[in-house]
Amino acid sequence: MPYMAYKVYTTPEFDSLLEKLSKPEQERIEKLAKNLANNPYQGKPLGISFFREKKIDDKRIYYLIYDEYIIVLLVSISDKKTQQKTINEIKINRDIYMELAQNISKKN
């Protein structure tokens, strides 16, 4: 089933982590963001169908899918070493991300 084109947004945390990466890594993540707009469910689900991870080289990109707002929210980046800690933090802050998605959808 083709998806409606989702809008992809980032959190300030994601932007900060992205800035620290090399230019080629940033470009691959930007390409991923474009792909997620057309198929948000391509990554590996992390216990909840709308919380996913996509691996790019040794980095993991974490994102949340909000079908009701047609939004993909890129929330964090980690390496294998900090993977579980990052996943746990995202799950703990799920309500904050939901509120952010709601606010984004109201503005657009």
PDB file of N, CA and C in Angstrom:
ATOM      1  N   MET A   1       0.845  -1.189   0.000  1.00  0.00           N
ATOM      2  CA  MET A   1       0.000   0.000   0.000  1.00  0.00           C
ATOM      3  C   MET A   1       0.885   1.244   0.000  1.00  0.00           C
ATOM      4  N   PRO A   2       0.741   2.120  -0.965  1.00  0.00           N
ATOM      5  CA  PRO A   2       1.548   3.343  -0.955  1.00  0.00           C
ATOM      6  C   PRO A   2       1.077   4.286   0.155  1.00  0.00           C
ATOM      7  N   TYR A   3       1.999   4.949   0.757  1.00  0.00           N
ATOM      8  CA  TYR A   3       1.674   5.891   1.826  1.00  0.00           C
ATOM      9  C   TYR A   3       1.505   7.282   1.230  1.00  0.00           C
ATOM     10  N   MET A   4       0.697   8.079   1.925  1.00  0.00           N
ATOM     11  CA  MET A   4       0.682   9.498   1.582  1.00  0.00           C
ATOM     12  C   MET A   4       2.060  10.014   1.942  1.00  0.00           C
ATOM     13  N   ALA A   5       2.526  11.013   1.273  1.00  0.00           N
ATOM     14  CA  ALA A   5       3.846  11.553   1.611  1.00  0.00           C
ATOM     15  C   ALA A   5       3.805  12.147   3.015  1.00  0.00           C
ATOM     16  N   TYR A   6       4.620  11.588   3.870  1.00  0.00           N
ATOM     17  CA  TYR A   6       4.741  12.089   5.232  1.00  0.00           C
ATOM     18  C   TYR A   6       5.679  13.284   5.228  1.00  0.00           C
ATOM     19  N   LYS A   7       5.519  14.148   6.197  1.00  0.00           N
ATOM     20  CA  LYS A   7       6.461  15.237   6.391  1.00  0.00           C
ATOM     21  C   LYS A   7       7.445  14.776   7.460  1.00  0.00           C
ATOM     22  N   VAL A   8       8.725  14.984   7.211  1.00  0.00           N
ATOM     23  CA  VAL A   8       9.764  14.539   8.131  1.00  0.00           C
ATOM     24  C   VAL A   8      10.314  15.752   8.882  1.00  0.00           C
ATOM     25  N   TYR A   9      10.315  15.649  10.212  1.00  0.00           N
ATOM     26  CA  TYR A   9      10.820  16.714  11.072  1.00  0.00           C
ATOM     27  C   TYR A   9      11.900  16.144  11.984  1.00  0.00           C
ATOM     28  N   THR A  10      12.675  17.036  12.570  1.00  0.00           N
ATOM     29  CA  THR A  10      13.725  16.612  13.488  1.00  0.00           C
ATOM     30  C   THR A  10      13.559  17.327  14.823  1.00  0.00           C
ATOM     31  N   THR A  11      14.077  16.709  15.866  1.00  0.00           N
ATOM     32  CA  THR A  11      14.097  17.344  17.183  1.00  0.00           C
ATOM     33  C   THR A  11      15.404  18.138  17.314  1.00  0.00           C
ATOM     34  N   PRO A  12      15.460  19.091  18.229  1.00  0.00           N
ATOM     35  CA  PRO A  12      16.726  19.809  18.459  1.00  0.00           C
ATOM     36  C   PRO A  12      17.867  18.848  18.828  1.00  0.00           C
ATOM     37  N   GLU A  13      17.560  17.817  19.597  1.00  0.00           N
ATOM     38  CA  GLU A  13      18.577  16.830  19.963  1.00  0.00           C
ATOM     39  C   GLU A  13      19.138  16.151  18.706  1.00  0.00           C
ATOM     40  N   PHE A  14      18.237  15.758  17.810  1.00  0.00           N
ATOM     41  CA  PHE A  14      18.663  15.106  16.570  1.00  0.00           C
ATOM     42  C   PHE A  14      19.570  16.043  15.758  1.00  0.00           C
ATOM     43  N   ASP A  15      19.148  17.302  15.624  1.00  0.00           N
ATOM     44  CA  ASP A  15      19.924  18.285  14.861  1.00  0.00           C
ATOM     45  C   ASP A  15      21.327  18.446  15.443  1.00  0.00           C
ATOM     46  N   SER A  16      21.409  18.497  16.759  1.00  0.00           N
ATOM     47  CA  SER A  16      22.690  18.651  17.434  1.00  0.00           C
ATOM     48  C   SER A  16      23.605  17.451  17.171  1.00  0.00           C
ATOM     49  N   LEU A  17      23.048  16.251  17.225  1.00  0.00           N
ATOM     50  CA  LEU A  17      23.828  15.038  16.969  1.00  0.00           C
ATOM     51  C   LEU A  17      24.251  14.959  15.499  1.00  0.00           C
ATOM     52  N   LEU A  18      23.360  15.370  14.610  1.00  0.00           N
ATOM     53  CA  LEU A  18      23.639  15.335  13.172  1.00  0.00           C
ATOM     54  C   LEU A  18      24.820  16.243  12.821  1.00  0.00           C
ATOM     55  N   GLU A  19      24.866  17.412  13.448  1.00  0.00           N
ATOM     56  CA  GLU A  19      25.946  18.376  13.189  1.00  0.00           C
ATOM     57  C   GLU A  19      27.323  17.796  13.482  1.00  0.00           C
ATOM     58  N   LYS A  20      27.397  16.868  14.416  1.00  0.00           N
ATOM     59  CA  LYS A  20      28.679  16.294  14.838  1.00  0.00           C
ATOM     60  C   LYS A  20      29.189  15.209  13.887  1.00  0.00           C
ATOM     61  N   LEU A  21      28.351  14.781  12.960  1.00  0.00           N
ATOM     62  CA  LEU A  21      28.734  13.703  12.052  1.00  0.00           C
ATOM     63  C   LEU A  21      29.490  14.253  10.843  1.00  0.00           C
ATOM     64  N   SER A  22      30.151  13.349  10.133  1.00  0.00           N
ATOM     65  CA  SER A  22      30.877  13.748   8.922  1.00  0.00           C
ATOM     66  C   SER A  22      29.878  14.135   7.828  1.00  0.00           C
ATOM     67  N   LYS A  23      30.352  14.881   6.860  1.00  0.00           N
ATOM     68  CA  LYS A  23      29.495  15.321   5.741  1.00  0.00           C
ATOM     69  C   LYS A  23      28.865  14.119   5.017  1.00  0.00           C
ATOM     70  N   PRO A  24      29.636  13.061   4.682  1.00  0.00           N
ATOM     71  CA  PRO A  24      29.016  11.906   4.014  1.00  0.00           C
ATOM     72  C   PRO A  24      27.917  11.240   4.868  1.00  0.00           C
ATOM     73  N   GLU A  25      28.135  11.172   6.188  1.00  0.00           N
ATOM     74  CA  GLU A  25      27.104  10.593   7.067  1.00  0.00           C
ATOM     75  C   GLU A  25      25.859  11.471   7.071  1.00  0.00           C
ATOM     76  N   GLN A  26      26.055  12.785   7.134  1.00  0.00           N
ATOM     77  CA  GLN A  26      24.921  13.712   7.106  1.00  0.00           C
ATOM     78  C   GLN A  26      24.122  13.541   5.814  1.00  0.00           C
ATOM     79  N   GLU A  27      24.826  13.398   4.698  1.00  0.00           N
ATOM     80  CA  GLU A  27      24.147  13.238   3.410  1.00  0.00           C
ATOM     81  C   GLU A  27      23.352  11.940   3.360  1.00  0.00           C
ATOM     82  N   ARG A  28      23.892  10.867   3.908  1.00  0.00           N
ATOM     83  CA  ARG A  28      23.166   9.588   3.926  1.00  0.00           C
ATOM     84  C   ARG A  28      21.917   9.688   4.804  1.00  0.00           C
ATOM     85  N   ILE A  29      22.006  10.413   5.895  1.00  0.00           N
ATOM     86  CA  ILE A  29      20.852  10.581   6.776  1.00  0.00           C
ATOM     87  C   ILE A  29      19.796  11.463   6.111  1.00  0.00           C
ATOM     88  N   GLU A  30      20.231  12.488   5.383  1.00  0.00           N
ATOM     89  CA  GLU A  30      19.278  13.323   4.641  1.00  0.00           C
ATOM     90  C   GLU A  30      18.552  12.500   3.578  1.00  0.00           C
ATOM     91  N   LYS A  31      19.280  11.601   2.931  1.00  0.00           N
ATOM     92  CA  LYS A  31      18.663  10.714   1.942  1.00  0.00           C
ATOM     93  C   LYS A  31      17.647   9.788   2.621  1.00  0.00           C
ATOM     94  N   LEU A  32      18.010   9.273   3.793  1.00  0.00           N
ATOM     95  CA  LEU A  32      17.092   8.436   4.563  1.00  0.00           C
ATOM     96  C   LEU A  32      15.813   9.211   4.879  1.00  0.00           C
ATOM     97  N   ALA A  33      15.954  10.455   5.297  1.00  0.00           N
ATOM     98  CA  ALA A  33      14.791  11.283   5.637  1.00  0.00           C
ATOM     99  C   ALA A  33      13.847  11.403   4.444  1.00  0.00           C
ATOM    100  N   LYS A  34      14.410  11.590   3.254  1.00  0.00           N
ATOM    101  CA  LYS A  34      13.575  11.670   2.048  1.00  0.00           C
ATOM    102  C   LYS A  34      12.854  10.351   1.794  1.00  0.00           C
ATOM    103  N   ASN A  35      13.563   9.242   1.999  1.00  0.00           N
ATOM    104  CA  ASN A  35      12.943   7.922   1.814  1.00  0.00           C
ATOM    105  C   ASN A  35      11.838   7.669   2.837  1.00  0.00           C
ATOM    106  N   LEU A  36      12.036   8.127   4.063  1.00  0.00           N
ATOM    107  CA  LEU A  36      11.026   7.935   5.111  1.00  0.00           C
ATOM    108  C   LEU A  36       9.736   8.680   4.790  1.00  0.00           C
ATOM    109  N   ALA A  37       9.838   9.780   4.075  1.00  0.00           N
ATOM    110  CA  ALA A  37       8.641  10.535   3.696  1.00  0.00           C
ATOM    111  C   ALA A  37       7.711   9.678   2.851  1.00  0.00           C
ATOM    112  N   ASN A  38       8.282   8.786   2.047  1.00  0.00           N
ATOM    113  CA  ASN A  38       7.477   7.925   1.182  1.00  0.00           C
ATOM    114  C   ASN A  38       7.166   6.562   1.788  1.00  0.00           C
ATOM    115  N   ASN A  39       8.019   6.105   2.693  1.00  0.00           N
ATOM    116  CA  ASN A  39       7.798   4.811   3.327  1.00  0.00           C
ATOM    117  C   ASN A  39       8.339   4.839   4.753  1.00  0.00           C
ATOM    118  N   PRO A  40       7.541   5.358   5.693  1.00  0.00           N
ATOM    119  CA  PRO A  40       8.032   5.516   7.059  1.00  0.00           C
ATOM    120  C   PRO A  40       8.247   4.198   7.808  1.00  0.00           C
ATOM    121  N   TYR A  41       7.629   3.116   7.342  1.00  0.00           N
ATOM    122  CA  TYR A  41       7.704   1.854   8.081  1.00  0.00           C
ATOM    123  C   TYR A  41       8.839   0.941   7.625  1.00  0.00           C
ATOM    124  N   GLN A  42       9.887   1.510   7.004  1.00  0.00           N
ATOM    125  CA  GLN A  42      10.959   0.674   6.476  1.00  0.00           C
ATOM    126  C   GLN A  42      11.981   0.231   7.517  1.00  0.00           C
ATOM    127  N   GLY A  43      12.078   0.897   8.639  1.00  0.00           N
ATOM    128  CA  GLY A  43      13.082   0.541   9.645  1.00  0.00           C
ATOM    129  C   GLY A  43      12.642  -0.615  10.532  1.00  0.00           C
ATOM    130  N   LYS A  44      13.517  -0.974  11.446  1.00  0.00           N
ATOM    131  CA  LYS A  44      13.254  -2.070  12.388  1.00  0.00           C
ATOM    132  C   LYS A  44      12.397  -1.555  13.541  1.00  0.00           C
ATOM    133  N   PRO A  45      11.236  -2.195  13.810  1.00  0.00           N
ATOM    134  CA  PRO A  45      10.399  -1.748  14.933  1.00  0.00           C
ATOM    135  C   PRO A  45      11.084  -2.043  16.269  1.00  0.00           C
ATOM    136  N   LEU A  46      10.921  -1.121  17.209  1.00  0.00           N
ATOM    137  CA  LEU A  46      11.564  -1.262  18.519  1.00  0.00           C
ATOM    138  C   LEU A  46      10.511  -1.425  19.610  1.00  0.00           C
ATOM    139  N   GLY A  47       9.792  -2.520  19.542  1.00  0.00           N
ATOM    140  CA  GLY A  47       8.804  -2.833  20.576  1.00  0.00           C
ATOM    141  C   GLY A  47       7.443  -2.193  20.365  1.00  0.00           C
ATOM    142  N   ILE A  48       7.409  -1.082  19.651  1.00  0.00           N
ATOM    143  CA  ILE A  48       6.162  -0.368  19.357  1.00  0.00           C
ATOM    144  C   ILE A  48       6.193  -0.109  17.857  1.00  0.00           C
ATOM    145  N   SER A  49       5.102  -0.377  17.165  1.00  0.00           N
ATOM    146  CA  SER A  49       5.138  -0.307  15.699  1.00  0.00           C
ATOM    147  C   SER A  49       5.543   1.066  15.163  1.00  0.00           C
ATOM    148  N   PHE A  50       5.242   2.134  15.901  1.00  0.00           N
ATOM    149  CA  PHE A  50       5.543   3.477  15.388  1.00  0.00           C
ATOM    150  C   PHE A  50       6.908   4.003  15.834  1.00  0.00           C
ATOM    151  N   PHE A  51       7.661   3.202  16.593  1.00  0.00           N
ATOM    152  CA  PHE A  51       9.007   3.576  17.032  1.00  0.00           C
ATOM    153  C   PHE A  51       9.994   2.676  16.311  1.00  0.00           C
ATOM    154  N   ARG A  52      10.852   3.282  15.489  1.00  0.00           N
ATOM    155  CA  ARG A  52      11.723   2.486  14.626  1.00  0.00           C
ATOM    156  C   ARG A  52      13.157   2.981  14.609  1.00  0.00           C
ATOM    157  N   GLU A  53      13.998   2.089  14.112  1.00  0.00           N
ATOM    158  CA  GLU A  53      15.425   2.389  13.993  1.00  0.00           C
ATOM    159  C   GLU A  53      15.878   1.994  12.599  1.00  0.00           C
ATOM    160  N   LYS A  54      16.733   2.804  12.047  1.00  0.00           N
ATOM    161  CA  LYS A  54      17.331   2.498  10.741  1.00  0.00           C
ATOM    162  C   LYS A  54      18.837   2.602  10.919  1.00  0.00           C
ATOM    163  N   LYS A  55      19.542   1.575  10.470  1.00  0.00           N
ATOM    164  CA  LYS A  55      20.989   1.530  10.634  1.00  0.00           C
ATOM    165  C   LYS A  55      21.669   2.099   9.390  1.00  0.00           C
ATOM    166  N   ILE A  56      22.593   3.011   9.611  1.00  0.00           N
ATOM    167  CA  ILE A  56      23.423   3.555   8.533  1.00  0.00           C
ATOM    168  C   ILE A  56      24.869   3.419   9.006  1.00  0.00           C
ATOM    169  N   ASP A  57      25.613   2.528   8.355  1.00  0.00           N
ATOM    170  CA  ASP A  57      26.979   2.205   8.768  1.00  0.00           C
ATOM    171  C   ASP A  57      26.969   1.789  10.241  1.00  0.00           C
ATOM    172  N   ASP A  58      27.730   2.487  11.086  1.00  0.00           N
ATOM    173  CA  ASP A  58      27.761   2.115  12.506  1.00  0.00           C
ATOM    174  C   ASP A  58      26.827   2.978  13.354  1.00  0.00           C
ATOM    175  N   LYS A  59      26.005   3.793  12.702  1.00  0.00           N
ATOM    176  CA  LYS A  59      25.060   4.670  13.411  1.00  0.00           C
ATOM    177  C   LYS A  59      23.645   4.102  13.334  1.00  0.00           C
ATOM    178  N   ARG A  60      22.867   4.436  14.343  1.00  0.00           N
ATOM    179  CA  ARG A  60      21.458   4.062  14.353  1.00  0.00           C
ATOM    180  C   ARG A  60      20.637   5.350  14.445  1.00  0.00           C
ATOM    181  N   ILE A  61      19.675   5.455  13.542  1.00  0.00           N
ATOM    182  CA  ILE A  61      18.807   6.627  13.465  1.00  0.00           C
ATOM    183  C   ILE A  61      17.455   6.207  14.044  1.00  0.00           C
ATOM    184  N   TYR A  62      16.973   6.946  15.038  1.00  0.00           N
ATOM    185  CA  TYR A  62      15.711   6.605  15.707  1.00  0.00           C
ATOM    186  C   TYR A  62      14.631   7.588  15.303  1.00  0.00           C
ATOM    187  N   TYR A  63      13.462   7.043  15.021  1.00  0.00           N
ATOM    188  CA  TYR A  63      12.358   7.919  14.619  1.00  0.00           C
ATOM    189  C   TYR A  63      11.017   7.369  15.060  1.00  0.00           C
ATOM    190  N   LEU A  64      10.064   8.284  15.165  1.00  0.00           N
ATOM    191  CA  LEU A  64       8.697   7.967  15.567  1.00  0.00           C
ATOM    192  C   LEU A  64       7.771   8.351  14.417  1.00  0.00           C
ATOM    193  N   ILE A  65       6.778   7.510  14.186  1.00  0.00           N
ATOM    194  CA  ILE A  65       5.834   7.734  13.094  1.00  0.00           C
ATOM    195  C   ILE A  65       4.472   8.085  13.699  1.00  0.00           C
ATOM    196  N   TYR A  66       3.933   9.211  13.290  1.00  0.00           N
ATOM    197  CA  TYR A  66       2.618   9.649  13.767  1.00  0.00           C
ATOM    198  C   TYR A  66       1.665   9.666  12.576  1.00  0.00           C
ATOM    199  N   ASP A  67       0.984   8.538  12.359  1.00  0.00           N
ATOM    200  CA  ASP A  67       0.062   8.422  11.218  1.00  0.00           C
ATOM    201  C   ASP A  67      -1.043   9.475  11.266  1.00  0.00           C
ATOM    202  N   GLU A  68      -1.524   9.769  12.478  1.00  0.00           N
ATOM    203  CA  GLU A  68      -2.649  10.704  12.591  1.00  0.00           C
ATOM    204  C   GLU A  68      -2.282  12.109  12.128  1.00  0.00           C
ATOM    205  N   TYR A  69      -0.990  12.444  12.160  1.00  0.00           N
ATOM    206  CA  TYR A  69      -0.538  13.764  11.719  1.00  0.00           C
ATOM    207  C   TYR A  69       0.247  13.704  10.399  1.00  0.00           C
ATOM    208  N   ILE A  70       0.475  12.473   9.914  1.00  0.00           N
ATOM    209  CA  ILE A  70       1.274  12.234   8.698  1.00  0.00           C
ATOM    210  C   ILE A  70       2.667  12.853   8.874  1.00  0.00           C
ATOM    211  N   ILE A  71       3.265  12.525  10.028  1.00  0.00           N
ATOM    212  CA  ILE A  71       4.573  13.066  10.406  1.00  0.00           C
ATOM    213  C   ILE A  71       5.518  11.930  10.793  1.00  0.00           C
ATOM    214  N   VAL A  72       6.765  12.064  10.363  1.00  0.00           N
ATOM    215  CA  VAL A  72       7.856  11.232  10.873  1.00  0.00           C
ATOM    216  C   VAL A  72       8.762  12.182  11.647  1.00  0.00           C
ATOM    217  N   LEU A  73       9.047  11.835  12.901  1.00  0.00           N
ATOM    218  CA  LEU A  73       9.879  12.674  13.753  1.00  0.00           C
ATOM    219  C   LEU A  73      11.204  11.960  14.022  1.00  0.00           C
ATOM    220  N   LEU A  74      12.287  12.498  13.453  1.00  0.00           N
ATOM    221  CA  LEU A  74      13.624  11.954  13.703  1.00  0.00           C
ATOM    222  C   LEU A  74      14.056  12.465  15.076  1.00  0.00           C
ATOM    223  N   VAL A  75      14.296  11.530  16.012  1.00  0.00           N
ATOM    224  CA  VAL A  75      14.516  11.960  17.395  1.00  0.00           C
ATOM    225  C   VAL A  75      15.940  11.816  17.907  1.00  0.00           C
ATOM    226  N   SER A  76      16.701  10.835  17.415  1.00  0.00           N
ATOM    227  CA  SER A  76      18.041  10.668  17.966  1.00  0.00           C
ATOM    228  C   SER A  76      18.925   9.838  17.049  1.00  0.00           C
ATOM    229  N   ILE A  77      20.216   9.864  17.371  1.00  0.00           N
ATOM    230  CA  ILE A  77      21.233   9.089  16.657  1.00  0.00           C
ATOM    231  C   ILE A  77      22.134   8.473  17.721  1.00  0.00           C
ATOM    232  N   SER A  78      22.504   7.210  17.539  1.00  0.00           N
ATOM    233  CA  SER A  78      23.450   6.606  18.477  1.00  0.00           C
ATOM    234  C   SER A  78      24.352   5.630  17.749  1.00  0.00           C
ATOM    235  N   ASP A  79      25.338   5.129  18.482  1.00  0.00           N
ATOM    236  CA  ASP A  79      26.131   4.017  17.976  1.00  0.00           C
ATOM    237  C   ASP A  79      25.678   2.768  18.737  1.00  0.00           C
ATOM    238  N   LYS A  80      26.257   1.641  18.413  1.00  0.00           N
ATOM    239  CA  LYS A  80      25.860   0.375  19.035  1.00  0.00           C
ATOM    240  C   LYS A  80      26.033   0.428  20.552  1.00  0.00           C
ATOM    241  N   LYS A  81      27.095   1.081  21.007  1.00  0.00           N
ATOM    242  CA  LYS A  81      27.426   1.122  22.430  1.00  0.00           C
ATOM    243  C   LYS A  81      26.327   1.812  23.263  1.00  0.00           C
ATOM    244  N   THR A  82      25.744   2.868  22.717  1.00  0.00           N
ATOM    245  CA  THR A  82      24.728   3.619  23.476  1.00  0.00           C
ATOM    246  C   THR A  82      23.306   3.331  22.988  1.00  0.00           C
ATOM    247  N   GLN A  83      23.157   2.294  22.174  1.00  0.00           N
ATOM    248  CA  GLN A  83      21.858   1.974  21.569  1.00  0.00           C
ATOM    249  C   GLN A  83      20.754   1.793  22.609  1.00  0.00           C
ATOM    250  N   GLN A  84      20.951   0.908  23.582  1.00  0.00           N
ATOM    251  CA  GLN A  84      19.880   0.609  24.538  1.00  0.00           C
ATOM    252  C   GLN A  84      19.540   1.814  25.401  1.00  0.00           C
ATOM    253  N   LYS A  85      20.544   2.561  25.806  1.00  0.00           N
ATOM    254  CA  LYS A  85      20.320   3.772  26.608  1.00  0.00           C
ATOM    255  C   LYS A  85      19.463   4.764  25.813  1.00  0.00           C
ATOM    256  N   THR A  86      19.776   4.947  24.545  1.00  0.00           N
ATOM    257  CA  THR A  86      19.040   5.878  23.691  1.00  0.00           C
ATOM    258  C   THR A  86      17.596   5.420  23.511  1.00  0.00           C
ATOM    259  N   ILE A  87      17.406   4.120  23.250  1.00  0.00           N
ATOM    260  CA  ILE A  87      16.049   3.570  23.085  1.00  0.00           C
ATOM    261  C   ILE A  87      15.233   3.801  24.355  1.00  0.00           C
ATOM    262  N   ASN A  88      15.830   3.526  25.510  1.00  0.00           N
ATOM    263  CA  ASN A  88      15.123   3.714  26.787  1.00  0.00           C
ATOM    264  C   ASN A  88      14.736   5.170  27.005  1.00  0.00           C
ATOM    265  N   GLU A  89      15.646   6.095  26.688  1.00  0.00           N
ATOM    266  CA  GLU A  89      15.346   7.522  26.850  1.00  0.00           C
ATOM    267  C   GLU A  89      14.199   7.960  25.939  1.00  0.00           C
ATOM    268  N   ILE A  90      14.183   7.458  24.727  1.00  0.00           N
ATOM    269  CA  ILE A  90      13.104   7.814  23.795  1.00  0.00           C
ATOM    270  C   ILE A  90      11.769   7.286  24.319  1.00  0.00           C
ATOM    271  N   LYS A  91      11.764   6.060  24.816  1.00  0.00           N
ATOM    272  CA  LYS A  91      10.518   5.483  25.363  1.00  0.00           C
ATOM    273  C   LYS A  91      10.032   6.285  26.570  1.00  0.00           C
ATOM    274  N   ILE A  92      10.962   6.707  27.425  1.00  0.00           N
ATOM    275  CA  ILE A  92      10.600   7.502  28.608  1.00  0.00           C
ATOM    276  C   ILE A  92       9.991   8.840  28.189  1.00  0.00           C
ATOM    277  N   ASN A  93      10.530   9.439  27.121  1.00  0.00           N
ATOM    278  CA  ASN A  93      10.095  10.767  26.677  1.00  0.00           C
ATOM    279  C   ASN A  93       9.032  10.727  25.581  1.00  0.00           C
ATOM    280  N   ARG A  94       8.406   9.588  25.416  1.00  0.00           N
ATOM    281  CA  ARG A  94       7.412   9.416  24.350  1.00  0.00           C
ATOM    282  C   ARG A  94       6.315  10.480  24.362  1.00  0.00           C
ATOM    283  N   ASP A  95       5.838  10.842  25.543  1.00  0.00           N
ATOM    284  CA  ASP A  95       4.768  11.848  25.646  1.00  0.00           C
ATOM    285  C   ASP A  95       5.244  13.217  25.162  1.00  0.00           C
ATOM    286  N   ILE A  96       6.496  13.542  25.454  1.00  0.00           N
ATOM    287  CA  ILE A  96       7.060  14.825  25.013  1.00  0.00           C
ATOM    288  C   ILE A  96       7.111  14.865  23.484  1.00  0.00           C
ATOM    289  N   TYR A  97       7.531  13.745  22.872  1.00  0.00           N
ATOM    290  CA  TYR A  97       7.591  13.687  21.410  1.00  0.00           C
ATOM    291  C   TYR A  97       6.196  13.768  20.789  1.00  0.00           C
ATOM    292  N   MET A  98       5.223  13.134  21.446  1.00  0.00           N
ATOM    293  CA  MET A  98       3.838  13.192  20.956  1.00  0.00           C
ATOM    294  C   MET A  98       3.342  14.641  20.974  1.00  0.00           C
ATOM    295  N   GLU A  99       3.638  15.344  22.053  1.00  0.00           N
ATOM    296  CA  GLU A  99       3.232  16.747  22.166  1.00  0.00           C
ATOM    297  C   GLU A  99       3.907  17.592  21.075  1.00  0.00           C
ATOM    298  N   LEU A 100       5.168  17.326  20.830  1.00  0.00           N
ATOM    299  CA  LEU A 100       5.903  18.027  19.772  1.00  0.00           C
ATOM    300  C   LEU A 100       5.256  17.779  18.412  1.00  0.00           C
ATOM    301  N   ALA A 101       4.905  16.521  18.129  1.00  0.00           N
ATOM    302  CA  ALA A 101       4.240  16.181  16.856  1.00  0.00           C
ATOM    303  C   ALA A 101       2.896  16.907  16.746  1.00  0.00           C
ATOM    304  N   GLN A 102       2.141  16.963  17.845  1.00  0.00           N
ATOM    305  CA  GLN A 102       0.856  17.673  17.836  1.00  0.00           C
ATOM    306  C   GLN A 102       1.071  19.156  17.530  1.00  0.00           C
ATOM    307  N   ASN A 103       2.068  19.765  18.151  1.00  0.00           N
ATOM    308  CA  ASN A 103       2.351  21.177  17.918  1.00  0.00           C
ATOM    309  C   ASN A 103       2.787  21.444  16.492  1.00  0.00           C
ATOM    310  N   ILE A 104       3.617  20.558  15.952  1.00  0.00           N
ATOM    311  CA  ILE A 104       4.053  20.693  14.563  1.00  0.00           C
ATOM    312  C   ILE A 104       2.848  20.621  13.627  1.00  0.00           C
ATOM    313  N   SER A 105       1.958  19.669  13.882  1.00  0.00           N
ATOM    314  CA  SER A 105       0.812  19.488  12.988  1.00  0.00           C
ATOM    315  C   SER A 105      -0.140  20.688  13.039  1.00  0.00           C
ATOM    316  N   LYS A 106      -0.234  21.345  14.195  1.00  0.00           N
ATOM    317  CA  LYS A 106      -1.096  22.524  14.314  1.00  0.00           C
ATOM    318  C   LYS A 106      -0.537  23.698  13.518  1.00  0.00           C
ATOM    319  N   LYS A 107       0.807  23.780  13.447  1.00  0.00           N
ATOM    320  CA  LYS A 107       1.446  24.891  12.739  1.00  0.00           C
ATOM    321  C   LYS A 107       1.377  24.724  11.229  1.00  0.00           C
ATOM    322  N   ASN A 108       1.197  23.480  10.764  1.00  0.00           N
ATOM    323  CA  ASN A 108       1.247  23.235   9.314  1.00  0.00           C
ATOM    324  C   ASN A 108      -0.091  22.877   8.735  1.00  0.00           C
TER     325      ASN A 108
END
